[in-house]
Amino acid sequence: MCGGAPSIAPAVDPAEQQAKADADAARKANTEAAATRRARRQQSALATGASSTSGTAATSTALATGKPTLGS
């Protein structure tokens, strides 16, 4: 009649699609985990420079404050 071949959808391999979906999901999970780790690292006591009321952690030890022992 009109001629021409019928249009056939290209063959799609379900295993290939599943592998691609798995890789995309793993990539997204890794990106989110990295962002979480980065945020935790930025909020840590070391990153924020947390200090006690008497000075920084390095200068507020028992010996640095002139105390002979920890309990005195």
PDB file of N, CA and C in Angstrom:
ATOM      1  N   MET A   1       0.800  -1.169   0.000  1.00  0.00           N
ATOM      2  CA  MET A   1       0.000   0.000   0.000  1.00  0.00           C
ATOM      3  C   MET A   1       0.857   1.252   0.000  1.00  0.00           C
ATOM      4  N   CYS A   2       1.094   1.840   1.152  1.00  0.00           N
ATOM      5  CA  CYS A   2       1.886   3.055   1.190  1.00  0.00           C
ATOM      6  C   CYS A   2       3.372   2.758   1.177  1.00  0.00           C
ATOM      7  N   GLY A   3       3.765   1.572   1.553  1.00  0.00           N
ATOM      8  CA  GLY A   3       5.164   1.186   1.544  1.00  0.00           C
ATOM      9  C   GLY A   3       5.883   1.632   2.801  1.00  0.00           C
ATOM     10  N   GLY A   4       7.109   1.218   2.920  1.00  0.00           N
ATOM     11  CA  GLY A   4       7.915   1.565   4.086  1.00  0.00           C
ATOM     12  C   GLY A   4       7.807   0.504   5.160  1.00  0.00           C
ATOM     13  N   ALA A   5       8.822   0.414   5.923  1.00  0.00           N
ATOM     14  CA  ALA A   5       8.853  -0.584   6.993  1.00  0.00           C
ATOM     15  C   ALA A   5       8.116  -0.041   8.223  1.00  0.00           C
ATOM     16  N   PRO A   6       7.502  -0.916   8.961  1.00  0.00           N
ATOM     17  CA  PRO A   6       6.824  -0.471  10.185  1.00  0.00           C
ATOM     18  C   PRO A   6       7.875   0.011  11.190  1.00  0.00           C
ATOM     19  N   SER A   7       7.507   1.029  11.929  1.00  0.00           N
ATOM     20  CA  SER A   7       8.456   1.545  12.912  1.00  0.00           C
ATOM     21  C   SER A   7       8.478   0.628  14.126  1.00  0.00           C
ATOM     22  N   ILE A   8       9.656   0.149  14.436  1.00  0.00           N
ATOM     23  CA  ILE A   8       9.831  -0.755  15.573  1.00  0.00           C
ATOM     24  C   ILE A   8      10.681  -0.037  16.609  1.00  0.00           C
ATOM     25  N   ALA A   9      10.215  -0.098  17.829  1.00  0.00           N
ATOM     26  CA  ALA A   9      10.958   0.548  18.908  1.00  0.00           C
ATOM     27  C   ALA A   9      12.312  -0.150  19.071  1.00  0.00           C
ATOM     28  N   PRO A  10      13.342   0.590  19.371  1.00  0.00           N
ATOM     29  CA  PRO A  10      14.653  -0.030  19.557  1.00  0.00           C
ATOM     30  C   PRO A  10      14.623  -0.996  20.740  1.00  0.00           C
ATOM     31  N   ALA A  11      15.370  -2.066  20.624  1.00  0.00           N
ATOM     32  CA  ALA A  11      15.415  -3.074  21.690  1.00  0.00           C
ATOM     33  C   ALA A  11      16.075  -2.484  22.920  1.00  0.00           C
ATOM     34  N   VAL A  12      15.445  -2.685  24.071  1.00  0.00           N
ATOM     35  CA  VAL A  12      15.963  -2.176  25.325  1.00  0.00           C
ATOM     36  C   VAL A  12      16.240  -3.369  26.226  1.00  0.00           C
ATOM     37  N   ASP A  13      17.444  -3.427  26.743  1.00  0.00           N
ATOM     38  CA  ASP A  13      17.839  -4.522  27.615  1.00  0.00           C
ATOM     39  C   ASP A  13      17.454  -4.178  29.049  1.00  0.00           C
ATOM     40  N   PRO A  14      16.543  -4.938  29.656  1.00  0.00           N
ATOM     41  CA  PRO A  14      16.116  -4.641  31.025  1.00  0.00           C
ATOM     42  C   PRO A  14      17.276  -4.714  32.034  1.00  0.00           C
ATOM     43  N   ALA A  15      18.201  -5.633  31.821  1.00  0.00           N
ATOM     44  CA  ALA A  15      19.338  -5.748  32.740  1.00  0.00           C
ATOM     45  C   ALA A  15      20.216  -4.500  32.650  1.00  0.00           C
ATOM     46  N   GLU A  16      20.366  -3.961  31.449  1.00  0.00           N
ATOM     47  CA  GLU A  16      21.160  -2.755  31.256  1.00  0.00           C
ATOM     48  C   GLU A  16      20.486  -1.562  31.935  1.00  0.00           C
ATOM     49  N   GLN A  17      19.177  -1.471  31.795  1.00  0.00           N
ATOM     50  CA  GLN A  17      18.438  -0.388  32.445  1.00  0.00           C
ATOM     51  C   GLN A  17      18.553  -0.491  33.966  1.00  0.00           C
ATOM     52  N   GLN A  18      18.471  -1.727  34.487  1.00  0.00           N
ATOM     53  CA  GLN A  18      18.573  -1.926  35.937  1.00  0.00           C
ATOM     54  C   GLN A  18      19.967  -1.549  36.439  1.00  0.00           C
ATOM     55  N   ALA A  19      20.985  -1.914  35.687  1.00  0.00           N
ATOM     56  CA  ALA A  19      22.358  -1.583  36.071  1.00  0.00           C
ATOM     57  C   ALA A  19      22.554  -0.070  36.085  1.00  0.00           C
ATOM     58  N   LYS A  20      21.990   0.608  35.095  1.00  0.00           N
ATOM     59  CA  LYS A  20      22.109   2.065  35.045  1.00  0.00           C
ATOM     60  C   LYS A  20      21.360   2.709  36.217  1.00  0.00           C
ATOM     61  N   ALA A  21      20.174   2.210  36.521  1.00  0.00           N
ATOM     62  CA  ALA A  21      19.395   2.742  37.640  1.00  0.00           C
ATOM     63  C   ALA A  21      20.127   2.513  38.962  1.00  0.00           C
ATOM     64  N   ASP A  22      20.743   1.329  39.118  1.00  0.00           N
ATOM     65  CA  ASP A  22      21.503   1.040  40.334  1.00  0.00           C
ATOM     66  C   ASP A  22      22.696   1.979  40.467  1.00  0.00           C
ATOM     67  N   ALA A  23      23.392   2.214  39.373  1.00  0.00           N
ATOM     68  CA  ALA A  23      24.550   3.103  39.399  1.00  0.00           C
ATOM     69  C   ALA A  23      24.124   4.534  39.742  1.00  0.00           C
ATOM     70  N   ASP A  24      23.010   4.976  39.180  1.00  0.00           N
ATOM     71  CA  ASP A  24      22.510   6.324  39.478  1.00  0.00           C
ATOM     72  C   ASP A  24      22.120   6.452  40.952  1.00  0.00           C
ATOM     73  N   ALA A  25      21.472   5.414  41.487  1.00  0.00           N
ATOM     74  CA  ALA A  25      21.062   5.437  42.894  1.00  0.00           C
ATOM     75  C   ALA A  25      22.286   5.448  43.806  1.00  0.00           C
ATOM     76  N   ALA A  26      23.296   4.657  43.469  1.00  0.00           N
ATOM     77  CA  ALA A  26      24.519   4.620  44.279  1.00  0.00           C
ATOM     78  C   ALA A  26      25.234   5.965  44.230  1.00  0.00           C
ATOM     79  N   ARG A  27      25.272   6.585  43.064  1.00  0.00           N
ATOM     80  CA  ARG A  27      25.914   7.891  42.925  1.00  0.00           C
ATOM     81  C   ARG A  27      25.197   8.937  43.774  1.00  0.00           C
ATOM     82  N   LYS A  28      23.871   8.898  43.754  1.00  0.00           N
ATOM     83  CA  LYS A  28      23.093   9.855  44.536  1.00  0.00           C
ATOM     84  C   LYS A  28      23.301   9.631  46.036  1.00  0.00           C
ATOM     85  N   ALA A  29      23.312   8.377  46.460  1.00  0.00           N
ATOM     86  CA  ALA A  29      23.520   8.063  47.874  1.00  0.00           C
ATOM     87  C   ALA A  29      24.907   8.495  48.329  1.00  0.00           C
ATOM     88  N   ASN A  30      25.910   8.268  47.502  1.00  0.00           N
ATOM     89  CA  ASN A  30      27.270   8.677  47.852  1.00  0.00           C
ATOM     90  C   ASN A  30      27.395  10.191  47.942  1.00  0.00           C
ATOM     91  N   THR A  31      26.721  10.898  47.049  1.00  0.00           N
ATOM     92  CA  THR A  31      26.750  12.362  47.076  1.00  0.00           C
ATOM     93  C   THR A  31      26.106  12.885  48.357  1.00  0.00           C
ATOM     94  N   GLU A  32      24.977  12.296  48.731  1.00  0.00           N
ATOM     95  CA  GLU A  32      24.290  12.730  49.948  1.00  0.00           C
ATOM     96  C   GLU A  32      25.111  12.397  51.192  1.00  0.00           C
ATOM     97  N   ALA A  33      25.746  11.236  51.205  1.00  0.00           N
ATOM     98  CA  ALA A  33      26.580  10.851  52.343  1.00  0.00           C
ATOM     99  C   ALA A  33      27.772  11.793  52.474  1.00  0.00           C
ATOM    100  N   ALA A  34      28.360  12.160  51.361  1.00  0.00           N
ATOM    101  CA  ALA A  34      29.492  13.085  51.391  1.00  0.00           C
ATOM    102  C   ALA A  34      29.060  14.454  51.912  1.00  0.00           C
ATOM    103  N   ALA A  35      27.895  14.901  51.506  1.00  0.00           N
ATOM    104  CA  ALA A  35      27.386  16.189  51.983  1.00  0.00           C
ATOM    105  C   ALA A  35      27.121  16.141  53.487  1.00  0.00           C
ATOM    106  N   THR A  36      26.615  15.027  53.973  1.00  0.00           N
ATOM    107  CA  THR A  36      26.363  14.869  55.403  1.00  0.00           C
ATOM    108  C   THR A  36      27.669  14.882  56.180  1.00  0.00           C
ATOM    109  N   ARG A  37      28.667  14.136  55.687  1.00  0.00           N
ATOM    110  CA  ARG A  37      29.970  14.130  56.354  1.00  0.00           C
ATOM    111  C   ARG A  37      30.597  15.519  56.365  1.00  0.00           C
ATOM    112  N   ARG A  38      30.482  16.227  55.253  1.00  0.00           N
ATOM    113  CA  ARG A  38      31.045  17.568  55.150  1.00  0.00           C
ATOM    114  C   ARG A  38      30.367  18.507  56.157  1.00  0.00           C
ATOM    115  N   ALA A  39      29.049  18.403  56.264  1.00  0.00           N
ATOM    116  CA  ALA A  39      28.311  19.261  57.196  1.00  0.00           C
ATOM    117  C   ALA A  39      28.686  18.944  58.636  1.00  0.00           C
ATOM    118  N   ARG A  40      28.830  17.660  58.966  1.00  0.00           N
ATOM    119  CA  ARG A  40      29.217  17.282  60.325  1.00  0.00           C
ATOM    120  C   ARG A  40      30.621  17.779  60.645  1.00  0.00           C
ATOM    121  N   ARG A  41      31.510  17.670  59.669  1.00  0.00           N
ATOM    122  CA  ARG A  41      32.886  18.107  59.882  1.00  0.00           C
ATOM    123  C   ARG A  41      32.935  19.615  60.129  1.00  0.00           C
ATOM    124  N   GLN A  42      32.118  20.371  59.424  1.00  0.00           N
ATOM    125  CA  GLN A  42      32.111  21.825  59.582  1.00  0.00           C
ATOM    126  C   GLN A  42      31.501  22.245  60.912  1.00  0.00           C
ATOM    127  N   GLN A  43      30.668  21.390  61.496  1.00  0.00           N
ATOM    128  CA  GLN A  43      30.014  21.726  62.756  1.00  0.00           C
ATOM    129  C   GLN A  43      30.730  21.123  63.957  1.00  0.00           C
ATOM    130  N   SER A  44      31.851  20.445  63.750  1.00  0.00           N
ATOM    131  CA  SER A  44      32.542  19.798  64.858  1.00  0.00           C
ATOM    132  C   SER A  44      33.168  20.848  65.776  1.00  0.00           C
ATOM    133  N   ALA A  45      33.541  20.419  66.962  1.00  0.00           N
ATOM    134  CA  ALA A  45      34.150  21.329  67.934  1.00  0.00           C
ATOM    135  C   ALA A  45      35.477  21.858  67.418  1.00  0.00           C
ATOM    136  N   LEU A  46      36.211  21.034  66.694  1.00  0.00           N
ATOM    137  CA  LEU A  46      37.494  21.496  66.161  1.00  0.00           C
ATOM    138  C   LEU A  46      37.302  22.571  65.096  1.00  0.00           C
ATOM    139  N   ALA A  47      36.299  22.393  64.260  1.00  0.00           N
ATOM    140  CA  ALA A  47      36.071  23.343  63.175  1.00  0.00           C
ATOM    141  C   ALA A  47      35.494  24.661  63.682  1.00  0.00           C
ATOM    142  N   THR A  48      34.658  24.587  64.708  1.00  0.00           N
ATOM    143  CA  THR A  48      34.017  25.804  65.191  1.00  0.00           C
ATOM    144  C   THR A  48      34.876  26.551  66.192  1.00  0.00           C
ATOM    145  N   GLY A  49      35.964  25.932  66.628  1.00  0.00           N
ATOM    146  CA  GLY A  49      36.840  26.599  67.582  1.00  0.00           C
ATOM    147  C   GLY A  49      36.221  26.690  68.958  1.00  0.00           C
ATOM    148  N   ALA A  50      35.508  25.645  69.359  1.00  0.00           N
ATOM    149  CA  ALA A  50      34.861  25.647  70.669  1.00  0.00           C
ATOM    150  C   ALA A  50      35.899  25.824  71.760  1.00  0.00           C
ATOM    151  N   SER A  51      35.586  26.641  72.724  1.00  0.00           N
ATOM    152  CA  SER A  51      36.513  26.865  73.826  1.00  0.00           C
ATOM    153  C   SER A  51      35.753  26.889  75.137  1.00  0.00           C
ATOM    154  N   SER A  52      36.498  26.656  76.208  1.00  0.00           N
ATOM    155  CA  SER A  52      35.882  26.720  77.525  1.00  0.00           C
ATOM    156  C   SER A  52      35.872  28.181  77.984  1.00  0.00           C
ATOM    157  N   THR A  53      35.330  28.419  79.174  1.00  0.00           N
ATOM    158  CA  THR A  53      35.255  29.791  79.661  1.00  0.00           C
ATOM    159  C   THR A  53      36.614  30.313  80.097  1.00  0.00           C
ATOM    160  N   SER A  54      37.553  29.392  80.399  1.00  0.00           N
ATOM    161  CA  SER A  54      38.855  29.853  80.875  1.00  0.00           C
ATOM    162  C   SER A  54      39.908  29.903  79.781  1.00  0.00           C
ATOM    163  N   GLY A  55      39.572  29.579  78.570  1.00  0.00           N
ATOM    164  CA  GLY A  55      40.538  29.653  77.477  1.00  0.00           C
ATOM    165  C   GLY A  55      40.325  28.528  76.487  1.00  0.00           C
ATOM    166  N   THR A  56      41.276  28.397  75.605  1.00  0.00           N
ATOM    167  CA  THR A  56      41.161  27.344  74.601  1.00  0.00           C
ATOM    168  C   THR A  56      41.520  26.010  75.210  1.00  0.00           C
ATOM    169  N   ALA A  57      41.245  24.936  74.519  1.00  0.00           N
ATOM    170  CA  ALA A  57      41.487  23.600  75.045  1.00  0.00           C
ATOM    171  C   ALA A  57      42.965  23.378  75.331  1.00  0.00           C
ATOM    172  N   ALA A  58      43.841  23.936  74.537  1.00  0.00           N
ATOM    173  CA  ALA A  58      45.274  23.732  74.723  1.00  0.00           C
ATOM    174  C   ALA A  58      45.802  24.471  75.944  1.00  0.00           C
ATOM    175  N   THR A  59      45.183  25.545  76.336  1.00  0.00           N
ATOM    176  CA  THR A  59      45.689  26.331  77.470  1.00  0.00           C
ATOM    177  C   THR A  59      44.867  26.144  78.732  1.00  0.00           C
ATOM    178  N   SER A  60      43.873  25.284  78.720  1.00  0.00           N
ATOM    179  CA  SER A  60      43.049  25.110  79.910  1.00  0.00           C
ATOM    180  C   SER A  60      43.300  23.766  80.573  1.00  0.00           C
ATOM    181  N   THR A  61      44.448  23.147  80.327  1.00  0.00           N
ATOM    182  CA  THR A  61      44.778  21.897  80.987  1.00  0.00           C
ATOM    183  C   THR A  61      45.187  22.180  82.429  1.00  0.00           C
ATOM    184  N   ALA A  62      45.264  21.128  83.227  1.00  0.00           N
ATOM    185  CA  ALA A  62      45.618  21.291  84.636  1.00  0.00           C
ATOM    186  C   ALA A  62      47.007  21.889  84.794  1.00  0.00           C
ATOM    187  N   LEU A  63      47.959  21.433  84.022  1.00  0.00           N
ATOM    188  CA  LEU A  63      49.317  21.954  84.125  1.00  0.00           C
ATOM    189  C   LEU A  63      49.416  23.383  83.617  1.00  0.00           C
ATOM    190  N   ALA A  64      48.681  23.720  82.584  1.00  0.00           N
ATOM    191  CA  ALA A  64      48.761  25.066  82.021  1.00  0.00           C
ATOM    192  C   ALA A  64      48.154  26.101  82.956  1.00  0.00           C
ATOM    193  N   THR A  65      47.219  25.682  83.796  1.00  0.00           N
ATOM    194  CA  THR A  65      46.603  26.639  84.725  1.00  0.00           C
ATOM    195  C   THR A  65      47.328  26.707  86.047  1.00  0.00           C
ATOM    196  N   GLY A  66      48.438  25.970  86.189  1.00  0.00           N
ATOM    197  CA  GLY A  66      49.241  26.025  87.408  1.00  0.00           C
ATOM    198  C   GLY A  66      48.813  25.049  88.477  1.00  0.00           C
ATOM    199  N   LYS A  67      47.935  24.128  88.202  1.00  0.00           N
ATOM    200  CA  LYS A  67      47.513  23.151  89.191  1.00  0.00           C
ATOM    201  C   LYS A  67      48.490  21.964  89.155  1.00  0.00           C
ATOM    202  N   PRO A  68      48.911  21.499  90.308  1.00  0.00           N
ATOM    203  CA  PRO A  68      49.866  20.397  90.324  1.00  0.00           C
ATOM    204  C   PRO A  68      49.245  19.058  89.905  1.00  0.00           C
ATOM    205  N   THR A  69      47.964  18.853  90.170  1.00  0.00           N
ATOM    206  CA  THR A  69      47.286  17.616  89.775  1.00  0.00           C
ATOM    207  C   THR A  69      45.935  17.975  89.178  1.00  0.00           C
ATOM    208  N   LEU A  70      45.340  17.002  88.571  1.00  0.00           N
ATOM    209  CA  LEU A  70      44.070  17.236  87.884  1.00  0.00           C
ATOM    210  C   LEU A  70      42.946  17.570  88.865  1.00  0.00           C
ATOM    211  N   GLY A  71      42.927  16.931  90.027  1.00  0.00           N
ATOM    212  CA  GLY A  71      41.835  17.129  90.967  1.00  0.00           C
ATOM    213  C   GLY A  71      41.967  18.351  91.855  1.00  0.00           C
ATOM    214  N   SER A  72      43.085  19.031  91.857  1.00  0.00           N
ATOM    215  CA  SER A  72      43.258  20.146  92.783  1.00  0.00           C
ATOM    216  C   SER A  72      42.869  21.475  92.184  1.00  0.00           C
TER     217      SER A  72
END
